[in-house]
Amino acid sequence: ADPPQSLKSLAFNGPDGKPTTIADHAGKTVLLNLWATWCAPCRAEMPALDALQKEKGGNAFEVVAVNVDTGDDAKPKKFLKEIGIETLGYYRDATMDLFNEAKTR
């Protein structure tokens, strides 16, 4: 964006199911990725993101891949298991608010 915009307030649920924001990852470089089970490119890129988190993830860097499917957790969790995702945290926004806010910005 020109001028750049702060994304600190972008909100979603963390791996523990509790609300979190990008600001909660302060001090880290964050690669924010939004994905859905119905997204063919997502299926293709998730293994690479998982490998990146496994190789580079830590105190200085994190891949935050946020699922934006509506409904319950069953379908997204099945999707991750089917494609062999093991390292990425399970971030989620079933409201689509994160997707819509990011799209607007």
PDB file of N, CA and C in Angstrom:
ATOM      1  N   ALA A   1       0.842  -1.176   0.000  1.00  0.00           N
ATOM      2  CA  ALA A   1       0.000   0.000   0.000  1.00  0.00           C
ATOM      3  C   ALA A   1       0.888   1.241   0.000  1.00  0.00           C
ATOM      4  N   ASP A   2       0.403   2.266  -0.608  1.00  0.00           N
ATOM      5  CA  ASP A   2       1.131   3.529  -0.637  1.00  0.00           C
ATOM      6  C   ASP A   2       0.207   4.633  -0.175  1.00  0.00           C
ATOM      7  N   PRO A   3       0.361   5.141   1.022  1.00  0.00           N
ATOM      8  CA  PRO A   3       1.453   4.857   1.961  1.00  0.00           C
ATOM      9  C   PRO A   3       1.218   3.544   2.700  1.00  0.00           C
ATOM     10  N   PRO A   4       2.292   2.981   3.282  1.00  0.00           N
ATOM     11  CA  PRO A   4       2.146   1.734   4.039  1.00  0.00           C
ATOM     12  C   PRO A   4       1.136   1.882   5.175  1.00  0.00           C
ATOM     13  N   GLN A   5       0.457   0.796   5.477  1.00  0.00           N
ATOM     14  CA  GLN A   5      -0.542   0.781   6.546  1.00  0.00           C
ATOM     15  C   GLN A   5      -0.137  -0.224   7.614  1.00  0.00           C
ATOM     16  N   SER A   6      -0.462   0.095   8.840  1.00  0.00           N
ATOM     17  CA  SER A   6      -0.209  -0.829   9.933  1.00  0.00           C
ATOM     18  C   SER A   6      -1.234  -1.957   9.891  1.00  0.00           C
ATOM     19  N   LEU A   7      -0.754  -3.166  10.065  1.00  0.00           N
ATOM     20  CA  LEU A   7      -1.633  -4.335  10.111  1.00  0.00           C
ATOM     21  C   LEU A   7      -1.727  -4.904  11.525  1.00  0.00           C
ATOM     22  N   LYS A   8      -1.217  -4.164  12.507  1.00  0.00           N
ATOM     23  CA  LYS A   8      -1.160  -4.647  13.886  1.00  0.00           C
ATOM     24  C   LYS A   8      -2.511  -5.064  14.441  1.00  0.00           C
ATOM     25  N   SER A   9      -3.581  -4.429  13.961  1.00  0.00           N
ATOM     26  CA  SER A   9      -4.901  -4.720  14.523  1.00  0.00           C
ATOM     27  C   SER A   9      -5.609  -5.899  13.859  1.00  0.00           C
ATOM     28  N   LEU A  10      -5.022  -6.491  12.827  1.00  0.00           N
ATOM     29  CA  LEU A  10      -5.666  -7.645  12.182  1.00  0.00           C
ATOM     30  C   LEU A  10      -5.844  -8.749  13.207  1.00  0.00           C
ATOM     31  N   ALA A  11      -7.075  -9.224  13.360  1.00  0.00           N
ATOM     32  CA  ALA A  11      -7.412 -10.171  14.423  1.00  0.00           C
ATOM     33  C   ALA A  11      -7.887 -11.509  13.870  1.00  0.00           C
ATOM     34  N   PHE A  12      -7.590 -12.562  14.626  1.00  0.00           N
ATOM     35  CA  PHE A  12      -7.961 -13.937  14.283  1.00  0.00           C
ATOM     36  C   PHE A  12      -7.753 -14.772  15.534  1.00  0.00           C
ATOM     37  N   ASN A  13      -8.050 -16.043  15.485  1.00  0.00           N
ATOM     38  CA  ASN A  13      -7.842 -16.925  16.632  1.00  0.00           C
ATOM     39  C   ASN A  13      -6.508 -17.638  16.501  1.00  0.00           C
ATOM     40  N   GLY A  14      -5.814 -17.748  17.630  1.00  0.00           N
ATOM     41  CA  GLY A  14      -4.536 -18.435  17.660  1.00  0.00           C
ATOM     42  C   GLY A  14      -4.696 -19.933  17.781  1.00  0.00           C
ATOM     43  N   PRO A  15      -3.585 -20.666  17.807  1.00  0.00           N
ATOM     44  CA  PRO A  15      -3.632 -22.118  17.928  1.00  0.00           C
ATOM     45  C   PRO A  15      -4.367 -22.606  19.174  1.00  0.00           C
ATOM     46  N   ASP A  16      -4.419 -21.774  20.211  1.00  0.00           N
ATOM     47  CA  ASP A  16      -5.132 -22.141  21.426  1.00  0.00           C
ATOM     48  C   ASP A  16      -6.619 -21.807  21.350  1.00  0.00           C
ATOM     49  N   GLY A  17      -7.062 -21.245  20.194  1.00  0.00           N
ATOM     50  CA  GLY A  17      -8.464 -20.893  19.994  1.00  0.00           C
ATOM     51  C   GLY A  17      -8.834 -19.530  20.540  1.00  0.00           C
ATOM     52  N   LYS A  18      -7.895 -18.845  21.176  1.00  0.00           N
ATOM     53  CA  LYS A  18      -8.159 -17.538  21.762  1.00  0.00           C
ATOM     54  C   LYS A  18      -7.835 -16.425  20.768  1.00  0.00           C
ATOM     55  N   PRO A  19      -8.539 -15.286  20.881  1.00  0.00           N
ATOM     56  CA  PRO A  19      -8.275 -14.163  19.971  1.00  0.00           C
ATOM     57  C   PRO A  19      -6.832 -13.679  20.080  1.00  0.00           C
ATOM     58  N   THR A  20      -6.272 -13.327  18.931  1.00  0.00           N
ATOM     59  CA  THR A  20      -4.921 -12.781  18.842  1.00  0.00           C
ATOM     60  C   THR A  20      -4.892 -11.767  17.705  1.00  0.00           C
ATOM     61  N   THR A  21      -3.834 -10.994  17.634  1.00  0.00           N
ATOM     62  CA  THR A  21      -3.655 -10.020  16.551  1.00  0.00           C
ATOM     63  C   THR A  21      -2.223 -10.106  16.043  1.00  0.00           C
ATOM     64  N   ILE A  22      -1.969  -9.448  14.953  1.00  0.00           N
ATOM     65  CA  ILE A  22      -0.601  -9.356  14.447  1.00  0.00           C
ATOM     66  C   ILE A  22       0.283  -8.683  15.501  1.00  0.00           C
ATOM     67  N   ALA A  23      -0.257  -7.713  16.238  1.00  0.00           N
ATOM     68  CA  ALA A  23       0.519  -7.022  17.277  1.00  0.00           C
ATOM     69  C   ALA A  23       1.058  -7.997  18.316  1.00  0.00           C
ATOM     70  N   ASP A  24       0.373  -9.116  18.528  1.00  0.00           N
ATOM     71  CA  ASP A  24       0.839 -10.114  19.489  1.00  0.00           C
ATOM     72  C   ASP A  24       2.113 -10.824  19.017  1.00  0.00           C
ATOM     73  N   HIS A  25       2.493 -10.588  17.793  1.00  0.00           N
ATOM     74  CA  HIS A  25       3.709 -11.180  17.231  1.00  0.00           C
ATOM     75  C   HIS A  25       4.815 -10.132  17.110  1.00  0.00           C
ATOM     76  N   ALA A  26       4.696  -9.048  17.869  1.00  0.00           N
ATOM     77  CA  ALA A  26       5.671  -7.958  17.819  1.00  0.00           C
ATOM     78  C   ALA A  26       7.080  -8.499  18.052  1.00  0.00           C
ATOM     79  N   GLY A  27       8.022  -7.952  17.313  1.00  0.00           N
ATOM     80  CA  GLY A  27       9.411  -8.376  17.428  1.00  0.00           C
ATOM     81  C   GLY A  27       9.794  -9.468  16.450  1.00  0.00           C
ATOM     82  N   LYS A  28       8.798 -10.036  15.782  1.00  0.00           N
ATOM     83  CA  LYS A  28       9.051 -11.080  14.785  1.00  0.00           C
ATOM     84  C   LYS A  28       8.744 -10.541  13.396  1.00  0.00           C
ATOM     85  N   THR A  29       9.428 -11.079  12.425  1.00  0.00           N
ATOM     86  CA  THR A  29       9.001 -10.911  11.049  1.00  0.00           C
ATOM     87  C   THR A  29       7.923 -11.954  10.821  1.00  0.00           C
ATOM     88  N   VAL A  30       6.759 -11.523  10.328  1.00  0.00           N
ATOM     89  CA  VAL A  30       5.619 -12.413  10.141  1.00  0.00           C
ATOM     90  C   VAL A  30       5.261 -12.492   8.665  1.00  0.00           C
ATOM     91  N   LEU A  31       5.166 -13.706   8.164  1.00  0.00           N
ATOM     92  CA  LEU A  31       4.614 -13.934   6.841  1.00  0.00           C
ATOM     93  C   LEU A  31       3.156 -14.326   7.081  1.00  0.00           C
ATOM     94  N   LEU A  32       2.232 -13.407   6.778  1.00  0.00           N
ATOM     95  CA  LEU A  32       0.813 -13.662   6.973  1.00  0.00           C
ATOM     96  C   LEU A  32       0.237 -14.238   5.694  1.00  0.00           C
ATOM     97  N   ASN A  33      -0.392 -15.394   5.822  1.00  0.00           N
ATOM     98  CA  ASN A  33      -1.002 -16.072   4.681  1.00  0.00           C
ATOM     99  C   ASN A  33      -2.438 -16.413   5.046  1.00  0.00           C
ATOM    100  N   LEU A  34      -3.367 -16.073   4.169  1.00  0.00           N
ATOM    101  CA  LEU A  34      -4.765 -16.447   4.360  1.00  0.00           C
ATOM    102  C   LEU A  34      -5.050 -17.607   3.426  1.00  0.00           C
ATOM    103  N   TRP A  35      -5.708 -18.641   3.946  1.00  0.00           N
ATOM    104  CA  TRP A  35      -5.971 -19.825   3.127  1.00  0.00           C
ATOM    105  C   TRP A  35      -7.354 -20.386   3.423  1.00  0.00           C
ATOM    106  N   ALA A  36      -7.838 -21.174   2.472  1.00  0.00           N
ATOM    107  CA  ALA A  36      -9.133 -21.843   2.612  1.00  0.00           C
ATOM    108  C   ALA A  36      -9.051 -23.212   1.956  1.00  0.00           C
ATOM    109  N   THR A  37      -9.880 -24.119   2.406  1.00  0.00           N
ATOM    110  CA  THR A  37      -9.866 -25.486   1.882  1.00  0.00           C
ATOM    111  C   THR A  37     -10.301 -25.546   0.430  1.00  0.00           C
ATOM    112  N   TRP A  38     -11.109 -24.586  -0.025  1.00  0.00           N
ATOM    113  CA  TRP A  38     -11.611 -24.578  -1.389  1.00  0.00           C
ATOM    114  C   TRP A  38     -10.647 -23.904  -2.365  1.00  0.00           C
ATOM    115  N   CYS A  39      -9.516 -23.438  -1.882  1.00  0.00           N
ATOM    116  CA  CYS A  39      -8.548 -22.677  -2.677  1.00  0.00           C
ATOM    117  C   CYS A  39      -7.468 -23.603  -3.230  1.00  0.00           C
ATOM    118  N   ALA A  40      -7.488 -23.856  -4.542  1.00  0.00           N
ATOM    119  CA  ALA A  40      -6.496 -24.752  -5.153  1.00  0.00           C
ATOM    120  C   ALA A  40      -5.056 -24.260  -4.975  1.00  0.00           C
ATOM    121  N   PRO A  41      -4.768 -22.961  -5.172  1.00  0.00           N
ATOM    122  CA  PRO A  41      -3.392 -22.501  -4.927  1.00  0.00           C
ATOM    123  C   PRO A  41      -2.954 -22.703  -3.470  1.00  0.00           C
ATOM    124  N   CYS A  42      -3.900 -22.620  -2.539  1.00  0.00           N
ATOM    125  CA  CYS A  42      -3.572 -22.840  -1.123  1.00  0.00           C
ATOM    126  C   CYS A  42      -3.079 -24.265  -0.908  1.00  0.00           C
ATOM    127  N   ARG A  43      -3.750 -25.209  -1.515  1.00  0.00           N
ATOM    128  CA  ARG A  43      -3.345 -26.617  -1.391  1.00  0.00           C
ATOM    129  C   ARG A  43      -1.918 -26.788  -1.903  1.00  0.00           C
ATOM    130  N   ALA A  44      -1.586 -26.084  -2.977  1.00  0.00           N
ATOM    131  CA  ALA A  44      -0.249 -26.196  -3.557  1.00  0.00           C
ATOM    132  C   ALA A  44       0.815 -25.517  -2.698  1.00  0.00           C
ATOM    133  N   GLU A  45       0.503 -24.379  -2.075  1.00  0.00           N
ATOM    134  CA  GLU A  45       1.523 -23.619  -1.356  1.00  0.00           C
ATOM    135  C   GLU A  45       1.696 -24.011   0.115  1.00  0.00           C
ATOM    136  N   MET A  46       0.717 -24.644   0.713  1.00  0.00           N
ATOM    137  CA  MET A  46       0.803 -24.952   2.138  1.00  0.00           C
ATOM    138  C   MET A  46       2.011 -25.828   2.508  1.00  0.00           C
ATOM    139  N   PRO A  47       2.361 -26.860   1.736  1.00  0.00           N
ATOM    140  CA  PRO A  47       3.561 -27.636   2.096  1.00  0.00           C
ATOM    141  C   PRO A  47       4.834 -26.785   2.104  1.00  0.00           C
ATOM    142  N   ALA A  48       4.956 -25.835   1.178  1.00  0.00           N
ATOM    143  CA  ALA A  48       6.133 -24.958   1.160  1.00  0.00           C
ATOM    144  C   ALA A  48       6.142 -24.037   2.375  1.00  0.00           C
ATOM    145  N   LEU A  49       4.977 -23.532   2.767  1.00  0.00           N
ATOM    146  CA  LEU A  49       4.899 -22.684   3.962  1.00  0.00           C
ATOM    147  C   LEU A  49       5.231 -23.482   5.213  1.00  0.00           C
ATOM    148  N   ASP A  50       4.773 -24.729   5.267  1.00  0.00           N
ATOM    149  CA  ASP A  50       5.078 -25.604   6.386  1.00  0.00           C
ATOM    150  C   ASP A  50       6.587 -25.849   6.473  1.00  0.00           C
ATOM    151  N   ALA A  51       7.214 -26.091   5.337  1.00  0.00           N
ATOM    152  CA  ALA A  51       8.666 -26.315   5.302  1.00  0.00           C
ATOM    153  C   ALA A  51       9.424 -25.053   5.710  1.00  0.00           C
ATOM    154  N   LEU A  52       8.946 -23.894   5.265  1.00  0.00           N
ATOM    155  CA  LEU A  52       9.573 -22.630   5.639  1.00  0.00           C
ATOM    156  C   LEU A  52       9.500 -22.405   7.145  1.00  0.00           C
ATOM    157  N   GLN A  53       8.330 -22.675   7.736  1.00  0.00           N
ATOM    158  CA  GLN A  53       8.190 -22.536   9.193  1.00  0.00           C
ATOM    159  C   GLN A  53       9.118 -23.512   9.912  1.00  0.00           C
ATOM    160  N   LYS A  54       9.200 -24.722   9.416  1.00  0.00           N
ATOM    161  CA  LYS A  54      10.055 -25.725  10.052  1.00  0.00           C
ATOM    162  C   LYS A  54      11.519 -25.303   9.999  1.00  0.00           C
ATOM    163  N   GLU A  55      11.948 -24.760   8.860  1.00  0.00           N
ATOM    164  CA  GLU A  55      13.347 -24.394   8.668  1.00  0.00           C
ATOM    165  C   GLU A  55      13.721 -23.069   9.344  1.00  0.00           C
ATOM    166  N   LYS A  56      12.845 -22.066   9.224  1.00  0.00           N
ATOM    167  CA  LYS A  56      13.204 -20.713   9.660  1.00  0.00           C
ATOM    168  C   LYS A  56      12.429 -20.210  10.869  1.00  0.00           C
ATOM    169  N   GLY A  57      11.342 -20.891  11.232  1.00  0.00           N
ATOM    170  CA  GLY A  57      10.488 -20.412  12.317  1.00  0.00           C
ATOM    171  C   GLY A  57      11.201 -20.393  13.653  1.00  0.00           C
ATOM    172  N   GLY A  58      10.862 -19.408  14.454  1.00  0.00           N
ATOM    173  CA  GLY A  58      11.468 -19.282  15.773  1.00  0.00           C
ATOM    174  C   GLY A  58      11.159 -17.929  16.374  1.00  0.00           C
ATOM    175  N   ASN A  59      12.064 -17.421  17.202  1.00  0.00           N
ATOM    176  CA  ASN A  59      11.843 -16.148  17.888  1.00  0.00           C
ATOM    177  C   ASN A  59      11.843 -14.943  16.957  1.00  0.00           C
ATOM    178  N   ALA A  60      12.476 -15.067  15.786  1.00  0.00           N
ATOM    179  CA  ALA A  60      12.601 -13.924  14.889  1.00  0.00           C
ATOM    180  C   ALA A  60      11.651 -13.981  13.692  1.00  0.00           C
ATOM    181  N   PHE A  61      11.094 -15.145  13.390  1.00  0.00           N
ATOM    182  CA  PHE A  61      10.280 -15.302  12.185  1.00  0.00           C
ATOM    183  C   PHE A  61       9.181 -16.330  12.426  1.00  0.00           C
ATOM    184  N   GLU A  62       7.999 -16.052  11.864  1.00  0.00           N
ATOM    185  CA  GLU A  62       6.904 -17.027  11.936  1.00  0.00           C
ATOM    186  C   GLU A  62       5.998 -16.908  10.723  1.00  0.00           C
ATOM    187  N   VAL A  63       5.633 -18.059  10.181  1.00  0.00           N
ATOM    188  CA  VAL A  63       4.586 -18.114   9.169  1.00  0.00           C
ATOM    189  C   VAL A  63       3.267 -18.217   9.925  1.00  0.00           C
ATOM    190  N   VAL A  64       2.399 -17.230   9.728  1.00  0.00           N
ATOM    191  CA  VAL A  64       1.079 -17.230  10.360  1.00  0.00           C
ATOM    192  C   VAL A  64       0.075 -17.462   9.230  1.00  0.00           C
ATOM    193  N   ALA A  65      -0.307 -18.711   9.050  1.00  0.00           N
ATOM    194  CA  ALA A  65      -1.239 -19.105   7.999  1.00  0.00           C
ATOM    195  C   ALA A  65      -2.624 -19.217   8.630  1.00  0.00           C
ATOM    196  N   VAL A  66      -3.512 -18.304   8.257  1.00  0.00           N
ATOM    197  CA  VAL A  66      -4.829 -18.204   8.889  1.00  0.00           C
ATOM    198  C   VAL A  66      -5.894 -18.783   7.974  1.00  0.00           C
ATOM    199  N   ASN A  67      -6.605 -19.784   8.466  1.00  0.00           N
ATOM    200  CA  ASN A  67      -7.708 -20.363   7.720  1.00  0.00           C
ATOM    201  C   ASN A  67      -8.915 -19.435   7.792  1.00  0.00           C
ATOM    202  N   VAL A  68      -9.556 -19.206   6.640  1.00  0.00           N
ATOM    203  CA  VAL A  68     -10.717 -18.313   6.583  1.00  0.00           C
ATOM    204  C   VAL A  68     -11.987 -19.035   6.131  1.00  0.00           C
ATOM    205  N   ASP A  69     -12.008 -20.354   6.230  1.00  0.00           N
ATOM    206  CA  ASP A  69     -13.244 -21.091   5.948  1.00  0.00           C
ATOM    207  C   ASP A  69     -14.302 -20.713   6.984  1.00  0.00           C
ATOM    208  N   THR A  70     -15.544 -20.629   6.551  1.00  0.00           N
ATOM    209  CA  THR A  70     -16.630 -20.452   7.509  1.00  0.00           C
ATOM    210  C   THR A  70     -17.015 -21.834   8.048  1.00  0.00           C
ATOM    211  N   GLY A  71     -17.758 -21.877   9.123  1.00  0.00           N
ATOM    212  CA  GLY A  71     -18.166 -23.156   9.706  1.00  0.00           C
ATOM    213  C   GLY A  71     -17.231 -23.585  10.805  1.00  0.00           C
ATOM    214  N   ASP A  72     -17.288 -24.887  11.140  1.00  0.00           N
ATOM    215  CA  ASP A  72     -16.474 -25.384  12.244  1.00  0.00           C
ATOM    216  C   ASP A  72     -15.069 -25.764  11.771  1.00  0.00           C
ATOM    217  N   ASP A  73     -14.275 -26.301  12.685  1.00  0.00           N
ATOM    218  CA  ASP A  73     -12.868 -26.618  12.421  1.00  0.00           C
ATOM    219  C   ASP A  73     -12.638 -27.943  11.689  1.00  0.00           C
ATOM    220  N   ALA A  74     -13.651 -28.770  11.563  1.00  0.00           N
ATOM    221  CA  ALA A  74     -13.445 -30.129  11.040  1.00  0.00           C
ATOM    222  C   ALA A  74     -12.823 -30.137   9.641  1.00  0.00           C
ATOM    223  N   LYS A  75     -13.381 -29.392   8.725  1.00  0.00           N
ATOM    224  CA  LYS A  75     -12.899 -29.415   7.344  1.00  0.00           C
ATOM    225  C   LYS A  75     -11.472 -28.865   7.219  1.00  0.00           C
ATOM    226  N   PRO A  76     -11.150 -27.701   7.817  1.00  0.00           N
ATOM    227  CA  PRO A  76      -9.775 -27.219   7.715  1.00  0.00           C
ATOM    228  C   PRO A  76      -8.748 -28.149   8.366  1.00  0.00           C
ATOM    229  N   LYS A  77      -9.090 -28.724   9.505  1.00  0.00           N
ATOM    230  CA  LYS A  77      -8.156 -29.634  10.163  1.00  0.00           C
ATOM    231  C   LYS A  77      -7.936 -30.894   9.327  1.00  0.00           C
ATOM    232  N   LYS A  78      -8.997 -31.393   8.700  1.00  0.00           N
ATOM    233  CA  LYS A  78      -8.873 -32.550   7.811  1.00  0.00           C
ATOM    234  C   LYS A  78      -7.986 -32.208   6.616  1.00  0.00           C
ATOM    235  N   PHE A  79      -8.178 -31.028   6.053  1.00  0.00           N
ATOM    236  CA  PHE A  79      -7.378 -30.534   4.928  1.00  0.00           C
ATOM    237  C   PHE A  79      -5.892 -30.548   5.293  1.00  0.00           C
ATOM    238  N   LEU A  80      -5.539 -29.991   6.452  1.00  0.00           N
ATOM    239  CA  LEU A  80      -4.138 -29.933   6.866  1.00  0.00           C
ATOM    240  C   LEU A  80      -3.553 -31.323   7.058  1.00  0.00           C
ATOM    241  N   LYS A  81      -4.347 -32.213   7.626  1.00  0.00           N
ATOM    242  CA  LYS A  81      -3.877 -33.585   7.824  1.00  0.00           C
ATOM    243  C   LYS A  81      -3.658 -34.285   6.488  1.00  0.00           C
ATOM    244  N   GLU A  82      -4.600 -34.102   5.549  1.00  0.00           N
ATOM    245  CA  GLU A  82      -4.511 -34.742   4.229  1.00  0.00           C
ATOM    246  C   GLU A  82      -3.251 -34.331   3.475  1.00  0.00           C
ATOM    247  N   ILE A  83      -2.846 -33.073   3.604  1.00  0.00           N
ATOM    248  CA  ILE A  83      -1.684 -32.607   2.838  1.00  0.00           C
ATOM    249  C   ILE A  83      -0.388 -32.645   3.656  1.00  0.00           C
ATOM    250  N   GLY A  84      -0.463 -33.195   4.865  1.00  0.00           N
ATOM    251  CA  GLY A  84       0.741 -33.455   5.649  1.00  0.00           C
ATOM    252  C   GLY A  84       1.352 -32.247   6.346  1.00  0.00           C
ATOM    253  N   ILE A  85       0.536 -31.276   6.727  1.00  0.00           N
ATOM    254  CA  ILE A  85       1.048 -30.099   7.428  1.00  0.00           C
ATOM    255  C   ILE A  85       1.298 -30.455   8.888  1.00  0.00           C
ATOM    256  N   GLU A  86       2.535 -30.223   9.352  1.00  0.00           N
ATOM    257  CA  GLU A  86       2.913 -30.613  10.706  1.00  0.00           C
ATOM    258  C   GLU A  86       3.466 -29.473  11.546  1.00  0.00           C
ATOM    259  N   THR A  87       4.013 -28.425  10.927  1.00  0.00           N
ATOM    260  CA  THR A  87       4.747 -27.401  11.666  1.00  0.00           C
ATOM    261  C   THR A  87       3.956 -26.113  11.865  1.00  0.00           C
ATOM    262  N   LEU A  88       3.108 -25.756  10.930  1.00  0.00           N
ATOM    263  CA  LEU A  88       2.359 -24.506  11.027  1.00  0.00           C
ATOM    264  C   LEU A  88       1.386 -24.526  12.198  1.00  0.00           C
ATOM    265  N   GLY A  89       1.276 -23.397  12.872  1.00  0.00           N
ATOM    266  CA  GLY A  89       0.257 -23.255  13.906  1.00  0.00           C
ATOM    267  C   GLY A  89      -1.114 -23.180  13.248  1.00  0.00           C
ATOM    268  N   TYR A  90      -2.139 -23.576  13.982  1.00  0.00           N
ATOM    269  CA  TYR A  90      -3.505 -23.552  13.441  1.00  0.00           C
ATOM    270  C   TYR A  90      -4.183 -22.239  13.822  1.00  0.00           C
ATOM    271  N   TYR A  91      -4.075 -21.270  12.931  1.00  0.00           N
ATOM    272  CA  TYR A  91      -4.718 -19.969  13.105  1.00  0.00           C
ATOM    273  C   TYR A  91      -6.009 -19.967  12.303  1.00  0.00           C
ATOM    274  N   ARG A  92      -7.026 -19.254  12.809  1.00  0.00           N
ATOM    275  CA  ARG A  92      -8.342 -19.363  12.166  1.00  0.00           C
ATOM    276  C   ARG A  92      -9.161 -18.092  12.342  1.00  0.00           C
ATOM    277  N   ASP A  93      -9.923 -17.768  11.307  1.00  0.00           N
ATOM    278  CA  ASP A  93     -10.938 -16.711  11.374  1.00  0.00           C
ATOM    279  C   ASP A  93     -12.145 -17.177  10.573  1.00  0.00           C
ATOM    280  N   ALA A  94     -13.094 -17.792  11.247  1.00  0.00           N
ATOM    281  CA  ALA A  94     -14.286 -18.332  10.587  1.00  0.00           C
ATOM    282  C   ALA A  94     -15.295 -17.240  10.220  1.00  0.00           C
ATOM    283  N   THR A  95     -15.030 -16.002  10.616  1.00  0.00           N
ATOM    284  CA  THR A  95     -15.962 -14.900  10.330  1.00  0.00           C
ATOM    285  C   THR A  95     -15.700 -14.243   8.981  1.00  0.00           C
ATOM    286  N   MET A  96     -14.535 -14.486   8.396  1.00  0.00           N
ATOM    287  CA  MET A  96     -14.081 -13.832   7.157  1.00  0.00           C
ATOM    288  C   MET A  96     -13.754 -12.357   7.378  1.00  0.00           C
ATOM    289  N   ASP A  97     -13.824 -11.856   8.611  1.00  0.00           N
ATOM    290  CA  ASP A  97     -13.496 -10.460   8.886  1.00  0.00           C
ATOM    291  C   ASP A  97     -12.051 -10.135   8.516  1.00  0.00           C
ATOM    292  N   LEU A  98     -11.133 -11.033   8.847  1.00  0.00           N
ATOM    293  CA  LEU A  98      -9.724 -10.816   8.521  1.00  0.00           C
ATOM    294  C   LEU A  98      -9.539 -10.694   7.013  1.00  0.00           C
ATOM    295  N   PHE A  99     -10.114 -11.620   6.261  1.00  0.00           N
ATOM    296  CA  PHE A  99     -10.026 -11.595   4.802  1.00  0.00           C
ATOM    297  C   PHE A  99     -10.570 -10.280   4.257  1.00  0.00           C
ATOM    298  N   ASN A 100     -11.747  -9.891   4.724  1.00  0.00           N
ATOM    299  CA  ASN A 100     -12.389  -8.680   4.209  1.00  0.00           C
ATOM    300  C   ASN A 100     -11.599  -7.422   4.590  1.00  0.00           C
ATOM    301  N   GLU A 101     -11.056  -7.371   5.804  1.00  0.00           N
ATOM    302  CA  GLU A 101     -10.286  -6.205   6.205  1.00  0.00           C
ATOM    303  C   GLU A 101      -8.994  -6.111   5.398  1.00  0.00           C
ATOM    304  N   ALA A 102      -8.305  -7.237   5.203  1.00  0.00           N
ATOM    305  CA  ALA A 102      -7.074  -7.246   4.421  1.00  0.00           C
ATOM    306  C   ALA A 102      -7.366  -6.855   2.971  1.00  0.00           C
ATOM    307  N   LYS A 103      -8.465  -7.356   2.424  1.00  0.00           N
ATOM    308  CA  LYS A 103      -8.846  -7.033   1.040  1.00  0.00           C
ATOM    309  C   LYS A 103      -9.128  -5.533   0.913  1.00  0.00           C
ATOM    310  N   THR A 104      -9.811  -4.958   1.879  1.00  0.00           N
ATOM    311  CA  THR A 104     -10.137  -3.540   1.855  1.00  0.00           C
ATOM    312  C   THR A 104      -8.863  -2.687   1.896  1.00  0.00           C
ATOM    313  N   ARG A 105      -7.939  -3.106   2.736  1.00  0.00           N
ATOM    314  CA  ARG A 105      -6.679  -2.349   2.847  1.00  0.00           C
ATOM    315  C   ARG A 105      -5.865  -2.489   1.604  1.00  0.00           C
TER     316      ARG A 105
END
